[in-house]
Amino acid sequence: MVSSQRWRLLVFQFLCISCSLRVTLSANKLLLLLVDGMRWDYADRENLPAFKQIETQGARATKMRPNFPSSSYPNYYSIMTGLHCENHGIVSNCMYDAVKNETFDMGRNPESYDSFWWEDAEPLWIGVERQRKKSFLLSWPTCNVSIHGRKPSVCREYSAEPLQNGASLKEDIKEAVASLRNNSADFVGVFFGSVNHLGHLYGPNGTKLNSILKELDGAVAELLNITSDMRETLNIIILADHGMTSFTKGINLTERMDLSDLVSFPIKGSLDVGANVEIWPEIHVDPAELVNKLNNDSWGERNFTAYLKKDIPERFFYKNHRRIAPVVVMADIGYYINSFASPNLPTFNDTDEHNKTVVRNLGGYHGYDNTESDMHAIFYAIGPNFNANSKVDLINNTDVYQVMCKILGIEAAANNGSWAAMRTLTMFDQLTTSTSPPESTTSSVSSTLSPTLHPQSGGVNAGFVILGLLIVVVLVIVGVCICKKYRKREYDDLAYLKNDFSFSRTEYTDRDL
């Protein structure tokens, strides 16, 4: 008869396995390719067969709406946290924190790596690490920041020089796939910045941009090829942070009024230029008076709107964080605010067809009203958790985080995402029926977004898991008792027949185990 200690050990091992099944059975691998600045229609106007293959075999949202402002860093973090900018705290590429008296400048200054900028939220890669899985970030901007005391298992930071191309992206993709294949990583994020860079220089219709799009498509084709044997376990998501639009003209705020005695810019960088400008008035200046002067139409056509922080339209979800300035000036799409310089457009040095240096105006920009179609981004996905040949017109980038958590089988933090459109694209409908958070008051495809934070869970509902484990425990205990009683009776019966059967306690124990 088996000792009670051995039975207890077996029960304990069984329970451990049962607990681990929740993650094991619900989790798959995930590779995320973030293509900076790839506008929603880029893949349609060029011959990009790899993107077309994903659209046919996987899922696509025709447009993915960014958060406001439609700039890079705010939307990197919205994608990876599922939060509006006013909730996650990365409110601009360049920002000022009056409490800390520090500035943030897209990772170009050491202060951008201070943890406090990032700790209003938990990005996906930190959630992965906290829940005992592994995340790799390759060519990813500012990935080496410690957030809540954690970093990704592997971080290779993005470098703008040399400019990424199709070959370098293929190398990153090969490394990403290898780490997923050998189980070094559960989640890998790969960043590609050249589409955005060339869109800025030459505009959304430039020939050099079209060339890099074809190189990107070749890298995606390579990704699909080398992962063809991983289709049952690997999900691939390809998306962008924002779109791009052509410039119309520059705006000089100083032509409208003398701001030198009214405005203090205690920060360095470009808070006073771009699609939107953050103004921190001097202590003696009434922000409302400043806004009224800026919006005075007697100066002529202005092509911008100045807002008090409290009056910023609700649809932007951009008024409830200390890093948002008291006055925010938003340019009309295609206009560029050069508030303390000349009204001319920014320029860059280039070479012409004769390899001579020429000065050109920047051709494209972003950061504008996030409802503008030119600001919308791509979303493509393929894998076991996505429906083949599924398509929706519009999603919000805050909707993606919860999907990634479910793919990875991890608990999602509270977020602003909605399942309204994502149910069509994913195979999670049967899970979200009982475990998803309450829907927002408006659809994720409407022009108004819900500010509600939704607590979520990844994988299977925790309550059902606990109940199931309790049932298993009871059944195991009952089974053990019955088995022990039956075995004792069998042993006693066999003892009477010892003259007819060769039987030892050792043999009995070995067979039972």
Protein backbone atom coordinates (compact mmCIF):
# COMPACT_ATOMS: atom_id res chain seq x y z
CA MET A 1 0.00 0.00 0.00
CA VAL A 2 1.30 3.44 -0.91
CA SER A 3 2.29 5.61 2.02
CA SER A 4 0.14 8.63 2.76
CA GLN A 5 3.19 10.83 2.24
CA ARG A 6 3.61 9.59 -1.34
CA TRP A 7 -0.06 10.18 -2.06
CA ARG A 8 0.18 13.71 -0.69
CA LEU A 9 3.17 14.34 -2.93
CA LEU A 10 1.25 13.10 -5.97
CA VAL A 11 -1.71 15.31 -5.13
CA PHE A 12 0.58 18.33 -4.68
CA GLN A 13 2.27 17.70 -8.02
CA PHE A 14 -1.09 17.32 -9.72
CA LEU A 15 -2.28 20.62 -8.28
CA CYS A 16 0.89 22.39 -9.42
CA ILE A 17 0.38 21.07 -12.94
CA SER A 18 -3.27 22.09 -12.86
CA CYS A 19 -2.36 25.63 -11.79
CA SER A 20 0.18 25.96 -14.56
CA LEU A 21 -2.29 24.79 -17.19
CA ARG A 22 -4.08 28.11 -17.06
CA VAL A 23 -1.10 29.84 -18.61
CA THR A 24 0.16 26.97 -20.74
CA LEU A 25 -3.12 26.22 -22.45
CA SER A 26 -4.12 29.84 -23.12
CA ALA A 27 -0.80 31.36 -24.16
CA ASN A 28 0.83 31.73 -27.55
CA LYS A 29 3.88 33.63 -28.74
CA LEU A 30 3.72 37.17 -30.11
CA LEU A 31 5.93 39.16 -32.47
CA LEU A 32 5.03 42.83 -32.80
CA LEU A 33 6.49 44.91 -35.65
CA LEU A 34 5.98 48.64 -35.04
CA VAL A 35 6.53 50.61 -38.25
CA ASP A 36 6.88 54.25 -37.28
CA GLY A 37 4.86 56.64 -39.43
CA MET A 38 3.22 54.13 -41.80
CA ARG A 39 0.00 55.79 -42.85
CA TRP A 40 -3.06 53.59 -43.25
CA ASP A 41 -3.10 53.75 -47.08
CA TYR A 42 0.61 53.19 -47.80
CA ALA A 43 0.19 49.43 -48.24
CA ASP A 44 -2.67 49.88 -50.71
CA ARG A 45 -1.06 52.27 -53.15
CA GLU A 46 2.12 50.28 -53.66
CA ASN A 47 2.59 46.69 -54.81
CA LEU A 48 3.27 45.16 -51.40
CA PRO A 49 2.38 41.45 -51.74
CA ALA A 50 3.39 40.43 -48.20
CA PHE A 51 0.94 42.88 -46.67
CA LYS A 52 -1.72 41.65 -49.08
CA GLN A 53 -1.01 38.07 -47.98
CA ILE A 54 -1.59 38.98 -44.34
CA GLU A 55 -4.79 40.79 -45.25
CA THR A 56 -6.08 37.65 -47.01
CA GLN A 57 -4.88 35.05 -44.51
CA GLY A 58 -5.22 37.13 -41.36
CA ALA A 59 -6.82 40.29 -40.02
CA ARG A 60 -6.75 43.95 -40.99
CA ALA A 61 -8.18 47.21 -39.72
CA THR A 62 -8.32 49.60 -42.66
CA LYS A 63 -7.42 52.44 -40.29
CA MET A 64 -6.08 52.53 -36.76
CA ARG A 65 -6.66 55.83 -34.99
CA PRO A 66 -3.82 57.10 -32.80
CA ASN A 67 -4.22 59.01 -29.57
CA PHE A 68 -3.83 62.75 -29.50
CA PRO A 69 -1.28 64.11 -30.10
CA SER A 70 -0.62 61.87 -33.09
CA SER A 71 3.10 61.84 -32.32
CA SER A 72 5.52 58.97 -31.82
CA TYR A 73 6.30 58.58 -28.12
CA PRO A 74 2.76 59.20 -26.87
CA ASN A 75 1.47 56.52 -29.22
CA TYR A 76 4.27 54.02 -28.63
CA TYR A 77 3.06 54.05 -25.05
CA SER A 78 -0.67 54.06 -25.85
CA ILE A 79 -0.20 50.93 -27.96
CA MET A 80 1.78 49.19 -25.24
CA THR A 81 -0.45 50.22 -22.31
CA GLY A 82 -3.92 50.56 -23.85
CA LEU A 83 -4.20 54.01 -22.25
CA HIS A 84 -4.92 57.53 -23.41
CA CYS A 85 -1.98 59.90 -23.09
CA GLU A 86 -3.52 61.74 -20.14
CA ASN A 87 -3.57 58.41 -18.29
CA HIS A 88 -0.12 57.03 -19.11
CA GLY A 89 1.73 60.34 -18.82
CA ILE A 90 3.81 60.39 -22.02
CA VAL A 91 1.89 63.38 -23.35
CA SER A 92 4.33 64.55 -26.03
CA ASN A 93 7.61 63.77 -27.74
CA CYS A 94 9.03 66.70 -25.77
CA MET A 95 7.49 67.64 -22.44
CA TYR A 96 8.08 69.38 -19.15
CA ASP A 97 7.26 68.11 -15.66
CA ALA A 98 6.76 71.10 -13.36
CA VAL A 99 6.76 68.96 -10.22
CA LYS A 100 10.13 67.38 -10.98
CA ASN A 101 11.38 70.42 -12.94
CA GLU A 102 12.73 68.07 -15.59
CA THR A 103 12.41 67.82 -19.35
CA PHE A 104 11.81 64.88 -21.67
CA ASP A 105 13.13 64.93 -25.21
CA MET A 106 12.48 61.64 -27.04
CA GLY A 107 15.39 59.83 -25.39
CA ARG A 108 17.87 62.41 -26.65
CA ASN A 109 18.59 63.72 -23.15
CA PRO A 110 19.57 61.59 -20.11
CA GLU A 111 16.50 62.77 -18.19
CA SER A 112 14.26 60.91 -20.65
CA TYR A 113 15.49 57.70 -19.02
CA ASP A 114 14.32 58.68 -15.54
CA SER A 115 11.78 56.11 -14.39
CA PHE A 116 9.20 58.60 -13.16
CA TRP A 117 8.25 59.63 -16.71
CA TRP A 118 7.07 56.09 -17.45
CA GLU A 119 5.60 54.84 -14.19
CA ASP A 120 2.05 56.17 -14.48
CA ALA A 121 1.43 52.92 -16.39
CA GLU A 122 2.79 49.42 -16.94
CA PRO A 123 3.74 48.72 -20.58
CA LEU A 124 3.25 45.27 -22.04
CA TRP A 125 6.90 44.23 -21.81
CA ILE A 126 7.02 45.01 -18.09
CA GLY A 127 3.77 43.10 -17.50
CA VAL A 128 5.29 40.15 -19.35
CA GLU A 129 8.39 40.22 -17.14
CA ARG A 130 6.38 40.68 -13.93
CA GLN A 131 4.32 37.60 -14.77
CA ARG A 132 7.43 35.46 -15.20
CA LYS A 133 7.68 35.48 -18.96
CA LYS A 134 10.35 36.91 -21.22
CA SER A 135 10.25 39.99 -23.45
CA PHE A 136 12.78 41.10 -26.07
CA LEU A 137 12.79 44.60 -27.61
CA LEU A 138 14.93 45.02 -30.73
CA SER A 139 15.84 48.45 -32.17
CA TRP A 140 13.21 49.83 -29.79
CA PRO A 141 13.28 53.49 -28.66
CA THR A 142 14.16 54.06 -25.00
CA CYS A 143 13.65 50.41 -24.04
CA ASN A 144 16.42 50.44 -21.44
CA VAL A 145 14.38 52.37 -18.88
CA SER A 146 13.69 50.73 -15.53
CA ILE A 147 9.91 50.80 -15.02
CA HIS A 148 8.58 49.72 -11.63
CA GLY A 149 11.97 48.14 -11.01
CA ARG A 150 11.97 45.99 -14.15
CA LYS A 151 13.42 46.01 -17.66
CA PRO A 152 12.89 43.71 -20.66
CA SER A 153 15.00 40.55 -20.68
CA VAL A 154 16.74 41.89 -23.78
CA CYS A 155 16.81 45.50 -24.98
CA ARG A 156 18.65 46.79 -28.03
CA GLU A 157 17.90 50.48 -28.38
CA TYR A 158 16.95 52.20 -31.60
CA SER A 159 19.61 54.28 -33.32
CA ALA A 160 18.72 56.75 -36.07
CA GLU A 161 22.15 56.32 -37.63
CA PRO A 162 22.75 54.48 -39.79
CA LEU A 163 19.27 54.62 -41.28
CA GLN A 164 17.47 51.30 -41.03
CA ASN A 165 16.80 49.50 -44.30
CA GLY A 166 15.27 46.24 -45.45
CA ALA A 167 18.45 44.28 -44.75
CA SER A 168 18.82 45.51 -41.17
CA LEU A 169 15.14 44.84 -40.51
CA LYS A 170 15.54 41.28 -41.80
CA GLU A 171 18.38 40.75 -39.32
CA ASP A 172 16.20 41.98 -36.46
CA ILE A 173 13.38 39.72 -37.62
CA LYS A 174 15.65 36.67 -37.78
CA GLU A 175 16.87 37.35 -34.25
CA ALA A 176 13.31 37.83 -33.04
CA VAL A 177 12.09 34.58 -34.59
CA ALA A 178 15.08 32.64 -33.24
CA SER A 179 14.39 33.84 -29.69
CA LEU A 180 10.73 32.84 -29.99
CA ARG A 181 11.57 29.49 -31.55
CA ASN A 182 14.07 28.49 -28.84
CA ASN A 183 11.76 29.77 -26.07
CA SER A 184 14.16 32.50 -24.97
CA ALA A 185 11.29 34.96 -25.42
CA ASP A 186 7.50 34.90 -25.25
CA PHE A 187 7.06 38.40 -26.66
CA VAL A 188 9.34 40.25 -29.07
CA GLY A 189 8.87 43.83 -30.21
CA VAL A 190 10.74 45.04 -33.32
CA PHE A 191 10.83 48.71 -34.30
CA PHE A 192 11.39 50.11 -37.80
CA GLY A 193 11.82 53.88 -38.05
CA SER A 194 12.77 54.57 -41.66
CA VAL A 195 9.23 54.96 -43.03
CA ASN A 196 8.66 57.85 -40.63
CA HIS A 197 12.08 59.37 -41.28
CA LEU A 198 11.68 59.43 -45.06
CA GLY A 199 8.07 60.56 -44.77
CA HIS A 200 9.26 63.61 -42.84
CA LEU A 201 11.97 64.41 -45.36
CA TYR A 202 10.18 63.84 -48.66
CA GLY A 203 6.51 63.78 -47.70
CA PRO A 204 3.97 60.94 -47.90
CA ASN A 205 4.28 60.77 -51.70
CA GLY A 206 8.05 60.80 -52.08
CA THR A 207 9.79 58.24 -54.29
CA LYS A 208 12.35 57.42 -51.59
CA LEU A 209 9.49 56.62 -49.23
CA ASN A 210 8.02 54.26 -51.82
CA SER A 211 11.37 52.50 -52.09
CA ILE A 212 11.62 51.86 -48.35
CA LEU A 213 8.04 50.55 -48.34
CA LYS A 214 9.07 47.89 -50.85
CA GLU A 215 12.07 46.97 -48.69
CA LEU A 216 9.75 46.72 -45.70
CA ASP A 217 7.43 44.41 -47.64
CA GLY A 218 10.39 42.19 -48.52
CA ALA A 219 11.28 41.90 -44.84
CA VAL A 220 7.67 41.02 -43.98
CA ALA A 221 7.72 38.35 -46.71
CA GLU A 222 10.86 36.91 -45.12
CA LEU A 223 9.11 36.92 -41.73
CA LEU A 224 6.14 34.99 -43.11
CA ASN A 225 8.46 32.51 -44.79
CA ILE A 226 10.67 31.67 -41.81
CA THR A 227 7.68 31.34 -39.48
CA SER A 228 5.59 29.11 -41.76
CA ASP A 229 6.12 26.16 -39.40
CA MET A 230 5.06 28.23 -36.35
CA ARG A 231 1.58 29.20 -37.53
CA GLU A 232 -0.15 27.25 -34.74
CA THR A 233 1.69 29.02 -31.91
CA LEU A 234 2.97 32.38 -33.20
CA ASN A 235 0.92 35.53 -33.70
CA ILE A 236 2.33 38.42 -35.73
CA ILE A 237 1.02 41.99 -35.43
CA ILE A 238 2.24 44.78 -37.71
CA LEU A 239 1.07 48.28 -36.87
CA ALA A 240 2.12 51.93 -36.79
CA ASP A 241 1.98 54.73 -34.27
CA HIS A 242 0.57 57.42 -36.58
CA GLY A 243 0.31 58.54 -40.19
CA MET A 244 1.80 61.47 -42.13
CA THR A 245 0.58 64.51 -44.07
CA SER A 246 2.12 67.04 -46.44
CA PHE A 247 3.10 70.53 -45.29
CA THR A 248 1.13 73.59 -46.36
CA LYS A 249 2.97 76.48 -44.69
CA GLY A 250 4.58 77.65 -41.48
CA ILE A 251 2.98 79.74 -38.73
CA ASN A 252 4.84 82.30 -36.62
CA LEU A 253 2.96 83.12 -33.43
CA THR A 254 5.18 86.13 -32.78
CA GLU A 255 3.68 87.82 -35.84
CA ARG A 256 0.40 87.99 -33.95
CA MET A 257 1.69 89.22 -30.61
CA ASP A 258 4.87 89.81 -28.64
CA LEU A 259 5.25 86.70 -26.49
CA SER A 260 8.66 87.50 -25.06
CA ASP A 261 7.33 88.88 -21.77
CA LEU A 262 4.39 86.49 -21.52
CA VAL A 263 5.77 83.04 -22.09
CA SER A 264 8.37 81.07 -20.21
CA PHE A 265 9.88 77.96 -21.76
CA PRO A 266 11.79 76.36 -18.90
CA ILE A 267 12.45 73.41 -21.14
CA LYS A 268 14.83 72.74 -23.95
CA GLY A 269 13.92 71.06 -27.20
CA SER A 270 10.98 71.67 -29.48
CA LEU A 271 7.98 72.40 -27.29
CA ASP A 272 7.57 75.65 -29.17
CA VAL A 273 7.42 74.15 -32.67
CA GLY A 274 5.38 71.57 -34.53
CA ALA A 275 1.76 70.55 -35.01
CA ASN A 276 0.91 71.56 -31.45
CA VAL A 277 2.70 73.86 -29.03
CA GLU A 278 2.74 73.63 -25.24
CA ILE A 279 2.93 77.10 -23.66
CA TRP A 280 3.87 77.63 -20.01
CA PRO A 281 3.00 81.29 -19.25
CA GLU A 282 5.01 83.38 -16.83
CA ILE A 283 3.63 83.40 -13.30
CA HIS A 284 2.19 86.93 -13.69
CA VAL A 285 0.35 86.10 -16.94
CA ASP A 286 -3.31 85.07 -17.02
CA PRO A 287 -3.46 82.01 -19.33
CA ALA A 288 -7.01 82.93 -20.40
CA GLU A 289 -5.83 86.36 -21.57
CA LEU A 290 -3.05 84.73 -23.56
CA VAL A 291 -5.50 82.34 -25.25
CA ASN A 292 -7.87 85.19 -26.15
CA LYS A 293 -5.06 87.16 -27.76
CA LEU A 294 -3.84 84.18 -29.75
CA ASN A 295 -7.35 83.40 -31.01
CA ASN A 296 -8.11 87.02 -31.98
CA ASP A 297 -9.24 86.77 -35.60
CA SER A 298 -8.55 90.46 -36.21
CA TRP A 299 -5.01 89.34 -36.97
CA GLY A 300 -6.31 87.48 -40.01
CA GLU A 301 -6.47 83.79 -40.87
CA ARG A 302 -4.66 81.94 -38.13
CA ASN A 303 -4.82 78.21 -39.08
CA PHE A 304 -4.55 77.17 -35.45
CA THR A 305 -6.60 77.16 -32.24
CA ALA A 306 -5.30 77.99 -28.77
CA TYR A 307 -6.93 76.26 -25.78
CA LEU A 308 -6.82 76.60 -22.07
CA LYS A 309 -5.96 73.20 -20.67
CA LYS A 310 -9.40 72.84 -19.11
CA ASP A 311 -11.12 73.71 -22.41
CA ILE A 312 -9.36 71.17 -24.62
CA PRO A 313 -12.13 69.14 -26.34
CA GLU A 314 -13.09 66.00 -24.45
CA ARG A 315 -12.56 63.79 -27.50
CA PHE A 316 -8.81 64.32 -27.23
CA PHE A 317 -8.56 62.93 -23.67
CA TYR A 318 -5.83 65.46 -23.17
CA LYS A 319 -6.45 67.65 -20.14
CA ASN A 320 -5.97 65.60 -16.98
CA HIS A 321 -2.22 65.33 -16.56
CA ARG A 322 0.24 67.71 -14.94
CA ARG A 323 2.61 67.51 -17.95
CA ILE A 324 0.03 69.09 -20.25
CA ALA A 325 0.77 72.83 -20.34
CA PRO A 326 -1.73 75.51 -19.21
CA VAL A 327 -2.06 76.64 -22.85
CA VAL A 328 -1.99 74.30 -25.84
CA VAL A 329 -1.94 75.61 -29.42
CA MET A 330 -3.08 73.14 -32.09
CA ALA A 331 -2.28 73.80 -35.74
CA ASP A 332 -4.67 72.95 -38.55
CA ILE A 333 -3.53 69.89 -40.45
CA GLY A 334 -0.60 70.63 -42.75
CA TYR A 335 0.51 73.77 -40.89
CA TYR A 336 3.69 73.97 -38.83
CA ILE A 337 4.07 76.29 -35.83
CA ASN A 338 7.46 77.98 -35.64
CA SER A 339 6.58 80.19 -32.73
CA PHE A 340 9.86 81.90 -31.90
CA ALA A 341 11.66 81.54 -35.19
CA SER A 342 10.75 82.39 -38.76
CA PRO A 343 7.43 81.35 -40.31
CA ASN A 344 9.31 79.29 -42.86
CA LEU A 345 9.10 75.53 -42.91
CA PRO A 346 11.96 73.55 -41.35
CA THR A 347 14.69 72.47 -43.74
CA PHE A 348 17.28 69.74 -44.12
CA ASN A 349 20.39 69.16 -46.19
CA ASP A 350 20.05 66.69 -49.04
CA THR A 351 21.86 65.70 -52.22
CA ASP A 352 20.50 66.13 -55.73
CA GLU A 353 20.84 63.86 -58.76
CA HIS A 354 24.37 65.19 -59.28
CA ASN A 355 25.33 64.39 -55.67
CA LYS A 356 25.47 68.08 -54.79
CA THR A 357 24.27 69.34 -51.42
CA VAL A 358 20.92 71.12 -51.55
CA VAL A 359 18.64 72.54 -48.87
CA ARG A 360 15.08 71.24 -48.94
CA ASN A 361 11.97 71.94 -46.91
CA LEU A 362 10.67 69.07 -44.81
CA GLY A 363 7.98 67.29 -46.80
CA GLY A 364 5.76 65.74 -44.14
CA TYR A 365 4.63 65.98 -40.54
CA HIS A 366 2.25 64.49 -37.99
CA GLY A 367 0.95 65.28 -34.50
CA TYR A 368 -2.34 66.78 -35.66
CA ASP A 369 -5.96 66.10 -34.69
CA ASN A 370 -6.15 62.31 -34.38
CA THR A 371 -9.49 62.15 -36.19
CA GLU A 372 -7.82 63.37 -39.40
CA SER A 373 -7.54 60.49 -41.87
CA ASP A 374 -3.91 61.30 -42.71
CA MET A 375 -2.98 60.68 -39.08
CA HIS A 376 -4.39 57.14 -39.10
CA ALA A 377 -2.06 54.15 -39.09
CA ILE A 378 -1.93 50.54 -40.29
CA PHE A 379 -2.98 47.40 -38.40
CA TYR A 380 -2.33 43.90 -39.78
CA ALA A 381 -2.25 40.61 -37.85
CA ILE A 382 -1.94 36.90 -38.55
CA GLY A 383 -1.74 33.84 -36.34
CA PRO A 384 -3.79 31.28 -34.40
CA ASN A 385 -5.64 33.95 -32.39
CA PHE A 386 -6.77 35.99 -35.42
CA ASN A 387 -9.60 35.23 -37.81
CA ALA A 388 -8.55 34.64 -41.41
CA ASN A 389 -9.70 37.21 -43.96
CA SER A 390 -11.31 39.38 -41.27
CA LYS A 391 -11.53 43.14 -41.65
CA VAL A 392 -12.96 46.19 -39.89
CA ASP A 393 -12.94 49.81 -40.96
CA LEU A 394 -11.48 51.44 -37.85
CA ILE A 395 -10.00 50.59 -34.47
CA ASN A 396 -8.32 52.69 -31.81
CA ASN A 397 -4.74 51.90 -30.92
CA THR A 398 -5.78 51.54 -27.28
CA ASP A 399 -7.74 48.43 -28.33
CA VAL A 400 -4.61 46.42 -29.18
CA TYR A 401 -3.05 46.06 -25.72
CA GLN A 402 -5.81 43.83 -24.31
CA VAL A 403 -5.53 41.54 -27.36
CA MET A 404 -1.78 41.16 -26.89
CA CYS A 405 -2.28 40.27 -23.23
CA LYS A 406 -4.78 37.56 -24.11
CA ILE A 407 -2.46 36.14 -26.74
CA LEU A 408 0.33 35.90 -24.17
CA GLY A 409 -1.95 34.58 -21.43
CA ILE A 410 -1.12 37.36 -18.98
CA GLU A 411 -3.26 39.63 -16.84
CA ALA A 412 -3.91 43.00 -18.47
CA ALA A 413 -3.69 46.18 -16.45
CA ALA A 414 -6.64 48.59 -16.41
CA ASN A 415 -6.91 50.21 -19.84
CA ASN A 416 -9.05 52.31 -22.18
CA GLY A 417 -9.48 49.60 -24.81
CA SER A 418 -12.72 48.26 -26.25
CA TRP A 419 -13.57 44.84 -27.72
CA ALA A 420 -16.27 46.22 -30.03
CA ALA A 421 -14.17 45.91 -33.19
CA MET A 422 -11.51 43.48 -31.98
CA ARG A 423 -14.01 40.64 -31.60
CA THR A 424 -14.37 40.61 -35.37
CA LEU A 425 -10.63 40.33 -35.90
CA THR A 426 -9.76 37.86 -33.14
CA MET A 427 -10.88 34.43 -31.97
CA PHE A 428 -11.39 35.62 -28.40
CA ASP A 429 -15.15 36.17 -28.60
CA GLN A 430 -15.97 33.07 -26.57
CA LEU A 431 -13.69 34.32 -23.78
CA THR A 432 -14.64 37.97 -23.80
CA THR A 433 -18.33 37.17 -23.52
CA SER A 434 -17.84 36.45 -19.83
CA THR A 435 -14.49 37.98 -18.96
CA SER A 436 -14.20 41.25 -20.85
CA PRO A 437 -14.79 44.56 -19.06
CA PRO A 438 -17.98 46.54 -19.59
CA GLU A 439 -18.11 48.11 -23.01
CA SER A 440 -17.48 51.83 -23.34
CA THR A 441 -20.44 54.08 -23.80
CA THR A 442 -19.45 54.51 -27.44
CA SER A 443 -18.15 52.06 -29.98
CA SER A 444 -14.45 51.96 -30.63
CA VAL A 445 -15.22 52.92 -34.21
CA SER A 446 -17.10 56.08 -33.24
CA SER A 447 -15.53 59.52 -33.21
CA THR A 448 -15.80 59.72 -29.42
CA LEU A 449 -13.65 57.46 -27.30
CA SER A 450 -14.40 56.22 -23.81
CA PRO A 451 -12.14 57.50 -21.03
CA THR A 452 -13.13 54.61 -18.79
CA LEU A 453 -10.36 52.43 -17.44
CA HIS A 454 -11.30 48.78 -17.92
CA PRO A 455 -9.80 46.18 -15.57
CA GLN A 456 -9.08 43.07 -17.61
CA SER A 457 -7.70 39.59 -17.36
CA GLY A 458 -5.75 37.48 -19.80
CA GLY A 459 -6.44 33.81 -20.50
CA VAL A 460 -9.25 32.15 -18.53
CA ASN A 461 -11.40 33.86 -15.91
CA ALA A 462 -9.73 33.53 -12.51
CA GLY A 463 -12.94 32.68 -10.68
CA PHE A 464 -13.66 29.70 -12.90
CA VAL A 465 -10.07 28.53 -12.58
CA ILE A 466 -10.23 28.58 -8.77
CA LEU A 467 -13.60 26.80 -8.75
CA GLY A 468 -12.27 24.20 -11.15
CA LEU A 469 -9.21 23.58 -9.01
CA LEU A 470 -11.34 23.13 -5.89
CA ILE A 471 -13.44 20.53 -7.69
CA VAL A 472 -10.27 18.76 -8.83
CA VAL A 473 -8.91 18.74 -5.27
CA VAL A 474 -12.10 17.20 -3.90
CA LEU A 475 -12.19 14.55 -6.63
CA VAL A 476 -8.54 13.67 -6.09
CA ILE A 477 -8.98 13.31 -2.32
CA VAL A 478 -12.07 11.14 -2.75
CA GLY A 479 -10.29 9.06 -5.37
CA VAL A 480 -7.28 8.57 -3.12
CA CYS A 481 -9.43 7.39 -0.22
CA ILE A 482 -11.36 4.93 -2.39
CA CYS A 483 -8.20 3.68 -4.02
CA LYS A 484 -6.45 3.13 -0.68
CA LYS A 485 -9.45 1.25 0.70
CA TYR A 486 -9.71 -0.89 -2.43
CA ARG A 487 -5.99 -1.65 -2.47
CA LYS A 488 -6.02 -2.68 1.19
CA ARG A 489 -8.89 -5.07 0.57
CA GLU A 490 -7.13 -6.46 -2.51
CA TYR A 491 -3.94 -6.97 -0.55
CA ASP A 492 -5.76 -8.75 2.27
CA ASP A 493 -7.54 -11.02 -0.20
CA LEU A 494 -4.31 -11.87 -1.96
CA ALA A 495 -2.65 -12.73 1.33
CA TYR A 496 -4.99 -15.70 1.66
CA LEU A 497 -3.83 -16.92 -1.75
CA LYS A 498 -0.11 -16.63 -1.15
CA ASN A 499 0.34 -20.32 -1.80
CA ASP A 500 -1.00 -19.91 -5.36
CA PHE A 501 0.58 -16.52 -6.33
CA SER A 502 4.05 -15.15 -5.96
CA PHE A 503 3.47 -11.61 -4.65
CA SER A 504 5.59 -9.18 -2.70
CA ARG A 505 4.95 -5.81 -1.11
CA THR A 506 7.70 -4.30 -3.23
CA GLU A 507 6.11 -5.45 -6.49
CA TYR A 508 2.75 -4.11 -5.39
CA THR A 509 4.18 -0.71 -4.54
CA ASP A 510 6.11 -0.43 -7.80
CA ARG A 511 3.09 -1.34 -9.89
CA ASP A 512 0.90 1.12 -8.00
CA LEU A 513 3.34 3.98 -8.54
